[in-house]
Amino acid sequence: MAIDIAFALGVLVLLGARFPRSVLTFPRALAIVDDLGALVVIALFYMKALDGPLLLMALVWIGVLVLFNLVVVRRPWPYFVLELLLWATLLKSGVHATLAGVATAFGIGAPSPARFSRAKTPGN
């Protein structure tokens, strides 16, 4: 995270009730975009010769991660195993392996609020 963004977040938090909590959203989003941009720069400039079949295999692993999210796999170990497979595949394919973490974060996602509302409660 950039130092200026961290400083701005710290000042806004210290000022507390003088600003609505929604004011914190922009610096947080900016920090996330800044970090993702740094990872893309690392991935592009530290890339080696690319291996096409391994890149396709990495796309398959990413697809499985998204599928796990769609069918609502809640246990962490399938994601952990797939992350290791994706990391190793990207590392051997020539792409910098830090992108495996970003791809996994996007692949896991977060459950939609609708999934929580359909959950059965003990009284139902």
N, C-alpha and C. Protein backbone atom coordinates (compact mmCIF):
# COMPACT_ATOMS: atom_id res chain seq x y z
N MET A 1 0.85 -1.17 0.00
CA MET A 1 0.00 0.00 0.00
C MET A 1 0.90 1.23 0.00
N ALA A 2 0.51 2.18 -0.75
CA ALA A 2 1.28 3.43 -0.82
C ALA A 2 1.19 4.15 0.52
N ILE A 3 2.27 4.79 0.89
CA ILE A 3 2.34 5.48 2.18
C ILE A 3 1.31 6.60 2.26
N ASP A 4 1.11 7.34 1.19
CA ASP A 4 0.16 8.45 1.25
C ASP A 4 -1.28 7.97 1.44
N ILE A 5 -1.61 6.82 0.87
CA ILE A 5 -2.95 6.27 1.06
C ILE A 5 -3.13 5.82 2.51
N ALA A 6 -2.11 5.17 3.05
CA ALA A 6 -2.18 4.74 4.44
C ALA A 6 -2.29 5.94 5.38
N PHE A 7 -1.56 6.99 5.09
CA PHE A 7 -1.63 8.19 5.91
C PHE A 7 -3.03 8.81 5.84
N ALA A 8 -3.59 8.90 4.64
CA ALA A 8 -4.93 9.46 4.48
C ALA A 8 -5.97 8.63 5.23
N LEU A 9 -5.86 7.31 5.15
CA LEU A 9 -6.79 6.46 5.89
C LEU A 9 -6.65 6.67 7.39
N GLY A 10 -5.41 6.79 7.86
CA GLY A 10 -5.19 7.02 9.29
C GLY A 10 -5.79 8.32 9.76
N VAL A 11 -5.63 9.38 8.98
CA VAL A 11 -6.20 10.68 9.35
C VAL A 11 -7.72 10.61 9.37
N LEU A 12 -8.31 9.97 8.36
CA LEU A 12 -9.77 9.87 8.31
C LEU A 12 -10.31 9.05 9.49
N VAL A 13 -9.60 8.01 9.86
CA VAL A 13 -10.05 7.20 11.00
C VAL A 13 -9.93 8.00 12.29
N LEU A 14 -8.84 8.77 12.44
CA LEU A 14 -8.68 9.58 13.65
C LEU A 14 -9.75 10.66 13.77
N LEU A 15 -10.18 11.20 12.64
CA LEU A 15 -11.22 12.23 12.67
C LEU A 15 -12.58 11.63 12.98
N GLY A 16 -12.71 10.36 12.79
CA GLY A 16 -13.88 9.61 13.23
C GLY A 16 -15.21 10.12 12.76
N ALA A 17 -16.01 10.63 13.69
CA ALA A 17 -17.40 10.97 13.43
C ALA A 17 -17.57 12.23 12.58
N ARG A 18 -16.51 12.96 12.32
CA ARG A 18 -16.64 14.18 11.52
C ARG A 18 -16.91 13.88 10.05
N PHE A 19 -16.59 12.66 9.63
CA PHE A 19 -16.82 12.25 8.25
C PHE A 19 -17.66 10.99 8.26
N PRO A 20 -18.54 10.83 7.27
CA PRO A 20 -19.28 9.58 7.20
C PRO A 20 -18.33 8.42 6.87
N ARG A 21 -18.68 7.24 7.30
CA ARG A 21 -17.82 6.08 7.08
C ARG A 21 -17.65 5.78 5.60
N SER A 22 -18.58 6.22 4.78
CA SER A 22 -18.47 5.98 3.34
C SER A 22 -17.30 6.73 2.72
N VAL A 23 -16.79 7.77 3.40
CA VAL A 23 -15.64 8.51 2.89
C VAL A 23 -14.40 7.62 2.87
N LEU A 24 -14.35 6.60 3.70
CA LEU A 24 -13.21 5.69 3.74
C LEU A 24 -13.19 4.74 2.54
N THR A 25 -14.27 4.65 1.82
CA THR A 25 -14.36 3.70 0.72
C THR A 25 -13.38 4.02 -0.40
N PHE A 26 -13.27 5.28 -0.79
CA PHE A 26 -12.40 5.63 -1.91
C PHE A 26 -10.93 5.33 -1.62
N PRO A 27 -10.37 5.75 -0.48
CA PRO A 27 -8.95 5.42 -0.25
C PRO A 27 -8.70 3.91 -0.17
N ARG A 28 -9.65 3.17 0.39
CA ARG A 28 -9.49 1.71 0.43
C ARG A 28 -9.49 1.13 -0.97
N ALA A 29 -10.42 1.57 -1.80
CA ALA A 29 -10.47 1.08 -3.18
C ALA A 29 -9.21 1.48 -3.94
N LEU A 30 -8.74 2.69 -3.72
CA LEU A 30 -7.51 3.15 -4.37
C LEU A 30 -6.32 2.30 -3.95
N ALA A 31 -6.25 1.93 -2.70
CA ALA A 31 -5.16 1.07 -2.22
C ALA A 31 -5.21 -0.30 -2.88
N ILE A 32 -6.41 -0.85 -3.05
CA ILE A 32 -6.55 -2.15 -3.68
C ILE A 32 -6.12 -2.08 -5.14
N VAL A 33 -6.59 -1.06 -5.86
CA VAL A 33 -6.21 -0.90 -7.27
C VAL A 33 -4.71 -0.68 -7.39
N ASP A 34 -4.13 0.10 -6.48
CA ASP A 34 -2.69 0.35 -6.48
C ASP A 34 -1.92 -0.96 -6.31
N ASP A 35 -2.35 -1.80 -5.39
CA ASP A 35 -1.68 -3.07 -5.16
C ASP A 35 -1.84 -4.02 -6.34
N LEU A 36 -3.03 -4.06 -6.92
CA LEU A 36 -3.23 -4.92 -8.10
C LEU A 36 -2.39 -4.44 -9.27
N GLY A 37 -2.28 -3.13 -9.43
CA GLY A 37 -1.42 -2.60 -10.49
C GLY A 37 0.03 -2.99 -10.28
N ALA A 38 0.49 -2.95 -9.04
CA ALA A 38 1.87 -3.36 -8.75
C ALA A 38 2.08 -4.83 -9.08
N LEU A 39 1.09 -5.67 -8.78
CA LEU A 39 1.22 -7.09 -9.11
C LEU A 39 1.26 -7.33 -10.61
N VAL A 40 0.47 -6.57 -11.35
CA VAL A 40 0.50 -6.70 -12.81
C VAL A 40 1.86 -6.28 -13.37
N VAL A 41 2.43 -5.20 -12.83
CA VAL A 41 3.76 -4.77 -13.27
C VAL A 41 4.79 -5.85 -12.97
N ILE A 42 4.72 -6.44 -11.78
CA ILE A 42 5.64 -7.53 -11.44
C ILE A 42 5.47 -8.68 -12.41
N ALA A 43 4.22 -9.05 -12.68
CA ALA A 43 3.97 -10.19 -13.56
C ALA A 43 4.46 -9.93 -14.98
N LEU A 44 4.29 -8.71 -15.47
CA LEU A 44 4.70 -8.43 -16.85
C LEU A 44 6.21 -8.31 -17.01
N PHE A 45 6.87 -7.67 -16.07
CA PHE A 45 8.29 -7.41 -16.23
C PHE A 45 9.18 -8.52 -15.72
N TYR A 46 8.63 -9.45 -14.97
CA TYR A 46 9.41 -10.59 -14.50
C TYR A 46 8.97 -11.88 -15.17
N MET A 47 8.35 -11.76 -16.33
CA MET A 47 7.86 -12.90 -17.08
C MET A 47 9.00 -13.51 -17.88
N LYS A 48 9.01 -14.84 -17.96
CA LYS A 48 9.99 -15.56 -18.75
C LYS A 48 9.32 -16.04 -20.02
N ALA A 49 9.97 -16.92 -20.74
CA ALA A 49 9.37 -17.51 -21.95
C ALA A 49 8.10 -18.26 -21.55
N LEU A 50 7.04 -18.03 -22.28
CA LEU A 50 5.74 -18.60 -21.93
C LEU A 50 5.58 -20.01 -22.48
N ASP A 51 4.91 -20.84 -21.71
CA ASP A 51 4.60 -22.21 -22.11
C ASP A 51 3.09 -22.30 -22.29
N GLY A 52 2.63 -22.40 -23.52
CA GLY A 52 1.20 -22.38 -23.85
C GLY A 52 0.37 -23.44 -23.16
N PRO A 53 0.77 -24.73 -23.21
CA PRO A 53 -0.06 -25.75 -22.56
C PRO A 53 -0.21 -25.52 -21.04
N LEU A 54 0.85 -25.07 -20.41
CA LEU A 54 0.74 -24.81 -18.97
C LEU A 54 -0.14 -23.59 -18.69
N LEU A 55 -0.13 -22.60 -19.57
CA LEU A 55 -1.03 -21.46 -19.40
C LEU A 55 -2.49 -21.91 -19.54
N LEU A 56 -2.75 -22.81 -20.48
CA LEU A 56 -4.11 -23.34 -20.62
C LEU A 56 -4.51 -24.13 -19.37
N MET A 57 -3.56 -24.87 -18.80
CA MET A 57 -3.85 -25.61 -17.58
C MET A 57 -4.15 -24.65 -16.43
N ALA A 58 -3.44 -23.53 -16.37
CA ALA A 58 -3.71 -22.52 -15.34
C ALA A 58 -5.12 -21.97 -15.52
N LEU A 59 -5.54 -21.76 -16.74
CA LEU A 59 -6.92 -21.29 -16.99
C LEU A 59 -7.94 -22.32 -16.53
N VAL A 60 -7.61 -23.59 -16.70
CA VAL A 60 -8.51 -24.65 -16.21
C VAL A 60 -8.63 -24.57 -14.69
N TRP A 61 -7.51 -24.39 -13.99
CA TRP A 61 -7.55 -24.28 -12.53
C TRP A 61 -8.37 -23.07 -12.10
N ILE A 62 -8.23 -21.96 -12.81
CA ILE A 62 -9.02 -20.77 -12.49
C ILE A 62 -10.50 -21.05 -12.71
N GLY A 63 -10.81 -21.76 -13.78
CA GLY A 63 -12.20 -22.14 -14.05
C GLY A 63 -12.78 -23.02 -12.95
N VAL A 64 -11.97 -23.93 -12.44
CA VAL A 64 -12.42 -24.80 -11.34
C VAL A 64 -12.66 -23.96 -10.08
N LEU A 65 -11.80 -22.98 -9.82
CA LEU A 65 -12.01 -22.09 -8.68
C LEU A 65 -13.35 -21.35 -8.79
N VAL A 66 -13.63 -20.84 -9.98
CA VAL A 66 -14.90 -20.14 -10.19
C VAL A 66 -16.07 -21.11 -10.04
N LEU A 67 -15.91 -22.32 -10.55
CA LEU A 67 -16.96 -23.33 -10.42
C LEU A 67 -17.22 -23.65 -8.95
N PHE A 68 -16.15 -23.78 -8.16
CA PHE A 68 -16.32 -24.01 -6.73
C PHE A 68 -17.11 -22.88 -6.09
N ASN A 69 -16.86 -21.66 -6.51
CA ASN A 69 -17.60 -20.52 -5.97
C ASN A 69 -19.07 -20.60 -6.38
N LEU A 70 -19.33 -20.99 -7.61
CA LEU A 70 -20.71 -21.06 -8.09
C LEU A 70 -21.53 -22.15 -7.41
N VAL A 71 -20.89 -23.26 -7.09
CA VAL A 71 -21.62 -24.35 -6.43
C VAL A 71 -21.50 -24.24 -4.91
N VAL A 72 -20.95 -23.15 -4.42
CA VAL A 72 -20.87 -22.79 -3.01
C VAL A 72 -20.10 -23.84 -2.19
N VAL A 73 -18.85 -24.05 -2.58
CA VAL A 73 -17.96 -24.88 -1.78
C VAL A 73 -17.48 -24.02 -0.62
N ARG A 74 -17.77 -24.44 0.59
CA ARG A 74 -17.44 -23.62 1.76
C ARG A 74 -16.18 -24.07 2.48
N ARG A 75 -15.75 -25.27 2.28
CA ARG A 75 -14.55 -25.76 2.96
C ARG A 75 -13.30 -25.15 2.33
N PRO A 76 -12.31 -24.81 3.14
CA PRO A 76 -11.12 -24.14 2.60
C PRO A 76 -10.15 -25.07 1.89
N TRP A 77 -10.10 -26.35 2.21
CA TRP A 77 -9.05 -27.20 1.66
C TRP A 77 -9.12 -27.37 0.14
N PRO A 78 -10.31 -27.44 -0.51
CA PRO A 78 -10.29 -27.52 -1.98
C PRO A 78 -9.66 -26.27 -2.61
N TYR A 79 -9.95 -25.11 -2.03
CA TYR A 79 -9.36 -23.87 -2.54
C TYR A 79 -7.85 -23.87 -2.31
N PHE A 80 -7.42 -24.38 -1.17
CA PHE A 80 -5.99 -24.43 -0.87
C PHE A 80 -5.26 -25.33 -1.86
N VAL A 81 -5.83 -26.51 -2.13
CA VAL A 81 -5.20 -27.44 -3.08
C VAL A 81 -5.14 -26.82 -4.47
N LEU A 82 -6.25 -26.21 -4.90
CA LEU A 82 -6.26 -25.59 -6.22
C LEU A 82 -5.31 -24.41 -6.30
N GLU A 83 -5.18 -23.66 -5.23
CA GLU A 83 -4.23 -22.55 -5.21
C GLU A 83 -2.81 -23.05 -5.39
N LEU A 84 -2.46 -24.15 -4.72
CA LEU A 84 -1.13 -24.72 -4.89
C LEU A 84 -0.91 -25.21 -6.32
N LEU A 85 -1.92 -25.85 -6.88
CA LEU A 85 -1.81 -26.31 -8.27
C LEU A 85 -1.66 -25.13 -9.23
N LEU A 86 -2.46 -24.10 -9.02
CA LEU A 86 -2.39 -22.91 -9.86
C LEU A 86 -1.04 -22.22 -9.72
N TRP A 87 -0.56 -22.10 -8.49
CA TRP A 87 0.74 -21.46 -8.26
C TRP A 87 1.85 -22.21 -8.97
N ALA A 88 1.87 -23.54 -8.82
CA ALA A 88 2.92 -24.34 -9.46
C ALA A 88 2.82 -24.26 -10.99
N THR A 89 1.60 -24.30 -11.50
CA THR A 89 1.40 -24.24 -12.95
C THR A 89 1.86 -22.89 -13.50
N LEU A 90 1.49 -21.81 -12.85
CA LEU A 90 1.91 -20.49 -13.32
C LEU A 90 3.42 -20.32 -13.21
N LEU A 91 4.00 -20.84 -12.14
CA LEU A 91 5.45 -20.74 -11.96
C LEU A 91 6.18 -21.44 -13.10
N LYS A 92 5.73 -22.64 -13.45
CA LYS A 92 6.38 -23.40 -14.52
C LYS A 92 6.05 -22.87 -15.92
N SER A 93 4.93 -22.12 -16.05
CA SER A 93 4.52 -21.63 -17.37
C SER A 93 5.30 -20.40 -17.81
N GLY A 94 6.01 -19.76 -16.87
CA GLY A 94 6.77 -18.57 -17.21
C GLY A 94 6.14 -17.28 -16.72
N VAL A 95 4.91 -17.36 -16.24
CA VAL A 95 4.24 -16.18 -15.68
C VAL A 95 4.63 -16.10 -14.21
N HIS A 96 4.82 -14.89 -13.70
CA HIS A 96 5.19 -14.75 -12.30
C HIS A 96 4.08 -15.29 -11.42
N ALA A 97 4.44 -16.11 -10.45
CA ALA A 97 3.46 -16.86 -9.66
C ALA A 97 2.65 -15.99 -8.70
N THR A 98 3.00 -14.72 -8.53
CA THR A 98 2.18 -13.87 -7.66
C THR A 98 0.77 -13.70 -8.21
N LEU A 99 0.62 -13.87 -9.51
CA LEU A 99 -0.72 -13.75 -10.09
C LEU A 99 -1.63 -14.88 -9.66
N ALA A 100 -1.07 -15.98 -9.16
CA ALA A 100 -1.91 -17.08 -8.67
C ALA A 100 -2.75 -16.62 -7.48
N GLY A 101 -2.17 -15.82 -6.60
CA GLY A 101 -2.92 -15.31 -5.46
C GLY A 101 -4.04 -14.39 -5.87
N VAL A 102 -3.77 -13.54 -6.85
CA VAL A 102 -4.80 -12.63 -7.33
C VAL A 102 -5.92 -13.41 -8.01
N ALA A 103 -5.55 -14.38 -8.84
CA ALA A 103 -6.56 -15.19 -9.52
C ALA A 103 -7.40 -15.97 -8.52
N THR A 104 -6.77 -16.48 -7.48
CA THR A 104 -7.51 -17.23 -6.46
C THR A 104 -8.47 -16.31 -5.72
N ALA A 105 -8.03 -15.11 -5.41
CA ALA A 105 -8.91 -14.17 -4.72
C ALA A 105 -10.13 -13.84 -5.57
N PHE A 106 -9.92 -13.66 -6.87
CA PHE A 106 -11.06 -13.39 -7.74
C PHE A 106 -11.89 -14.65 -7.94
N GLY A 107 -11.26 -15.82 -7.94
CA GLY A 107 -11.99 -17.07 -8.15
C GLY A 107 -12.85 -17.46 -6.98
N ILE A 108 -12.38 -17.18 -5.77
CA ILE A 108 -13.16 -17.53 -4.59
C ILE A 108 -14.35 -16.59 -4.45
N GLY A 109 -14.09 -15.32 -4.56
CA GLY A 109 -15.18 -14.35 -4.46
C GLY A 109 -15.83 -14.36 -3.09
N ALA A 110 -16.99 -13.81 -3.02
CA ALA A 110 -17.76 -13.77 -1.78
C ALA A 110 -19.18 -14.19 -2.10
N PRO A 111 -19.80 -14.91 -1.19
CA PRO A 111 -21.19 -15.31 -1.45
C PRO A 111 -22.11 -14.10 -1.50
N SER A 112 -23.08 -14.17 -2.38
CA SER A 112 -24.02 -13.07 -2.51
C SER A 112 -24.95 -13.04 -1.30
N PRO A 113 -25.48 -11.86 -0.99
CA PRO A 113 -26.42 -11.78 0.15
C PRO A 113 -27.64 -12.69 -0.03
N ALA A 114 -28.01 -12.97 -1.27
CA ALA A 114 -29.16 -13.83 -1.52
C ALA A 114 -28.90 -15.23 -0.99
N ARG A 115 -27.65 -15.69 -1.04
CA ARG A 115 -27.34 -17.02 -0.53
C ARG A 115 -27.53 -17.08 0.98
N PHE A 116 -27.25 -15.99 1.65
CA PHE A 116 -27.42 -15.96 3.10
C PHE A 116 -28.91 -15.93 3.46
N SER A 117 -29.72 -15.23 2.67
CA SER A 117 -31.13 -15.10 3.00
C SER A 117 -31.87 -16.42 2.78
N ARG A 118 -31.35 -17.29 1.91
CA ARG A 118 -32.00 -18.57 1.67
C ARG A 118 -31.61 -19.62 2.70
N ALA A 119 -30.66 -19.30 3.56
CA ALA A 119 -30.22 -20.26 4.57
C ALA A 119 -31.36 -20.56 5.53
N LYS A 120 -31.46 -21.82 5.87
CA LYS A 120 -32.52 -22.21 6.78
C LYS A 120 -32.12 -21.88 8.20
N THR A 121 -33.08 -21.35 8.91
CA THR A 121 -32.85 -21.05 10.33
C THR A 121 -33.45 -22.17 11.17
N PRO A 122 -33.03 -22.30 12.42
CA PRO A 122 -33.56 -23.39 13.25
C PRO A 122 -35.08 -23.36 13.41
N GLY A 123 -35.69 -22.19 13.29
CA GLY A 123 -37.14 -22.08 13.46
C GLY A 123 -37.92 -22.47 12.22
N ASN A 124 -37.27 -22.67 11.06
CA ASN A 124 -38.00 -22.96 9.82
C ASN A 124 -38.17 -24.42 9.61
